[in-house]
Amino acid sequence: MIIPVRCFTCGKLVGDRWDEFTRRTKSGENALEVLDSLGLKRYCCRRMLLSNVEIIDEVLRFYEEAEKRKEARSFY
């Protein structure tokens, strides 16, 4: 899923913090401390980063399979 630019509830910008959040949490930092240091104090804004699921790779796989089927049908 693509991270939203703004918080759905309060409208604060959160999308610009996604890259740093993922980089720091993957390196082993505590997610709560990272969110605090990024300036995300409201729970609605924290939710935007914590609940995001990256499913773009799975979606692309289905798209590529559909394109292959479409190409195979065009040969007939």
C-alpha atoms as a PDB file:
ATOM      1  CA  MET A   1       0.000   0.000   0.000  1.00  0.00           C
ATOM      2  CA  ILE A   2       1.209   3.462  -0.708  1.00  0.00           C
ATOM      3  CA  ILE A   3       1.606   5.528   2.436  1.00  0.00           C
ATOM      4  CA  PRO A   4      -0.951   8.365   2.531  1.00  0.00           C
ATOM      5  CA  VAL A   5       0.418  11.891   2.334  1.00  0.00           C
ATOM      6  CA  ARG A   6      -1.745  13.160   5.188  1.00  0.00           C
ATOM      7  CA  CYS A   7      -3.295  11.650   8.285  1.00  0.00           C
ATOM      8  CA  PHE A   8      -6.892  10.637   7.573  1.00  0.00           C
ATOM      9  CA  THR A   9      -8.110  12.054  10.886  1.00  0.00           C
ATOM     10  CA  CYS A  10      -6.275  15.313  11.571  1.00  0.00           C
ATOM     11  CA  GLY A  11      -4.701  16.123   8.204  1.00  0.00           C
ATOM     12  CA  LYS A  12      -1.091  16.362   9.405  1.00  0.00           C
ATOM     13  CA  LEU A  13       1.612  15.503   6.876  1.00  0.00           C
ATOM     14  CA  VAL A  14       2.915  12.002   7.540  1.00  0.00           C
ATOM     15  CA  GLY A  15       3.981  10.666   4.137  1.00  0.00           C
ATOM     16  CA  ASP A  16       7.310  12.470   4.165  1.00  0.00           C
ATOM     17  CA  ARG A  17       8.347  10.608   7.321  1.00  0.00           C
ATOM     18  CA  TRP A  18       7.767   7.090   5.969  1.00  0.00           C
ATOM     19  CA  ASP A  19      11.240   6.488   4.506  1.00  0.00           C
ATOM     20  CA  GLU A  20      13.056   7.502   7.670  1.00  0.00           C
ATOM     21  CA  PHE A  21      10.622   5.543   9.847  1.00  0.00           C
ATOM     22  CA  THR A  22      11.135   2.305   7.906  1.00  0.00           C
ATOM     23  CA  ARG A  23      14.908   2.779   7.683  1.00  0.00           C
ATOM     24  CA  ARG A  24      15.278   3.346  11.415  1.00  0.00           C
ATOM     25  CA  THR A  25      12.908   0.569  12.513  1.00  0.00           C
ATOM     26  CA  LYS A  26      14.589  -1.947  10.190  1.00  0.00           C
ATOM     27  CA  SER A  27      17.935  -1.027  11.712  1.00  0.00           C
ATOM     28  CA  GLY A  28      16.590  -2.072  15.114  1.00  0.00           C
ATOM     29  CA  GLU A  29      15.371   1.126  16.762  1.00  0.00           C
ATOM     30  CA  ASN A  30      12.229   1.073  18.860  1.00  0.00           C
ATOM     31  CA  ALA A  31       9.240   2.210  16.778  1.00  0.00           C
ATOM     32  CA  LEU A  32       7.832   4.305  19.635  1.00  0.00           C
ATOM     33  CA  GLU A  33      11.055   6.264  20.010  1.00  0.00           C
ATOM     34  CA  VAL A  34      11.314   6.771  16.244  1.00  0.00           C
ATOM     35  CA  LEU A  35       7.769   8.143  16.076  1.00  0.00           C
ATOM     36  CA  ASP A  36       8.507  10.510  18.967  1.00  0.00           C
ATOM     37  CA  SER A  37      11.677  11.788  17.316  1.00  0.00           C
ATOM     38  CA  LEU A  38       9.837  12.298  14.009  1.00  0.00           C
ATOM     39  CA  GLY A  39       7.347  14.542  15.788  1.00  0.00           C
ATOM     40  CA  LEU A  40       4.331  12.249  15.525  1.00  0.00           C
ATOM     41  CA  LYS A  41       2.684  12.633  18.916  1.00  0.00           C
ATOM     42  CA  ARG A  42      -0.985  12.012  18.056  1.00  0.00           C
ATOM     43  CA  TYR A  43      -2.152   8.427  17.990  1.00  0.00           C
ATOM     44  CA  CYS A  44      -4.037   9.015  14.734  1.00  0.00           C
ATOM     45  CA  CYS A  45      -0.801  10.019  12.972  1.00  0.00           C
ATOM     46  CA  ARG A  46       1.117   7.143  14.540  1.00  0.00           C
ATOM     47  CA  ARG A  47      -1.540   4.768  13.258  1.00  0.00           C
ATOM     48  CA  MET A  48      -0.849   5.886   9.693  1.00  0.00           C
ATOM     49  CA  LEU A  49       2.730   4.627   9.854  1.00  0.00           C
ATOM     50  CA  LEU A  50       2.323   1.661  12.190  1.00  0.00           C
ATOM     51  CA  SER A  51      -0.630   0.083  10.385  1.00  0.00           C
ATOM     52  CA  ASN A  52       0.656   0.534   6.836  1.00  0.00           C
ATOM     53  CA  VAL A  53       1.222  -2.734   4.987  1.00  0.00           C
ATOM     54  CA  GLU A  54       3.390  -2.807   1.897  1.00  0.00           C
ATOM     55  CA  ILE A  55       1.497  -4.996  -0.552  1.00  0.00           C
ATOM     56  CA  ILE A  56       2.626  -3.390  -3.798  1.00  0.00           C
ATOM     57  CA  ASP A  57       4.821  -6.398  -4.670  1.00  0.00           C
ATOM     58  CA  GLU A  58       1.831  -8.730  -4.417  1.00  0.00           C
ATOM     59  CA  VAL A  59      -0.361  -6.426  -6.484  1.00  0.00           C
ATOM     60  CA  LEU A  60       2.314  -6.152  -9.175  1.00  0.00           C
ATOM     61  CA  ARG A  61       2.535  -9.936  -9.384  1.00  0.00           C
ATOM     62  CA  PHE A  62      -1.172 -10.166 -10.263  1.00  0.00           C
ATOM     63  CA  TYR A  63      -0.821  -7.364 -12.792  1.00  0.00           C
ATOM     64  CA  GLU A  64       2.098  -9.101 -14.506  1.00  0.00           C
ATOM     65  CA  GLU A  65       0.174 -12.380 -14.682  1.00  0.00           C
ATOM     66  CA  ALA A  66      -2.812 -10.594 -16.228  1.00  0.00           C
ATOM     67  CA  GLU A  67      -0.546  -8.963 -18.810  1.00  0.00           C
ATOM     68  CA  LYS A  68       0.939 -12.351 -19.738  1.00  0.00           C
ATOM     69  CA  ARG A  69      -2.553 -13.807 -20.219  1.00  0.00           C
ATOM     70  CA  LYS A  70      -3.547 -10.832 -22.329  1.00  0.00           C
ATOM     71  CA  GLU A  71      -0.489 -11.274 -24.546  1.00  0.00           C
ATOM     72  CA  ALA A  72      -1.159 -14.997 -24.904  1.00  0.00           C
ATOM     73  CA  ARG A  73      -4.726 -14.300 -26.065  1.00  0.00           C
ATOM     74  CA  SER A  74      -3.554 -11.765 -28.639  1.00  0.00           C
ATOM     75  CA  PHE A  75      -1.526 -14.432 -30.487  1.00  0.00           C
ATOM     76  CA  TYR A  76      -4.661 -16.382 -31.449  1.00  0.00           C
END
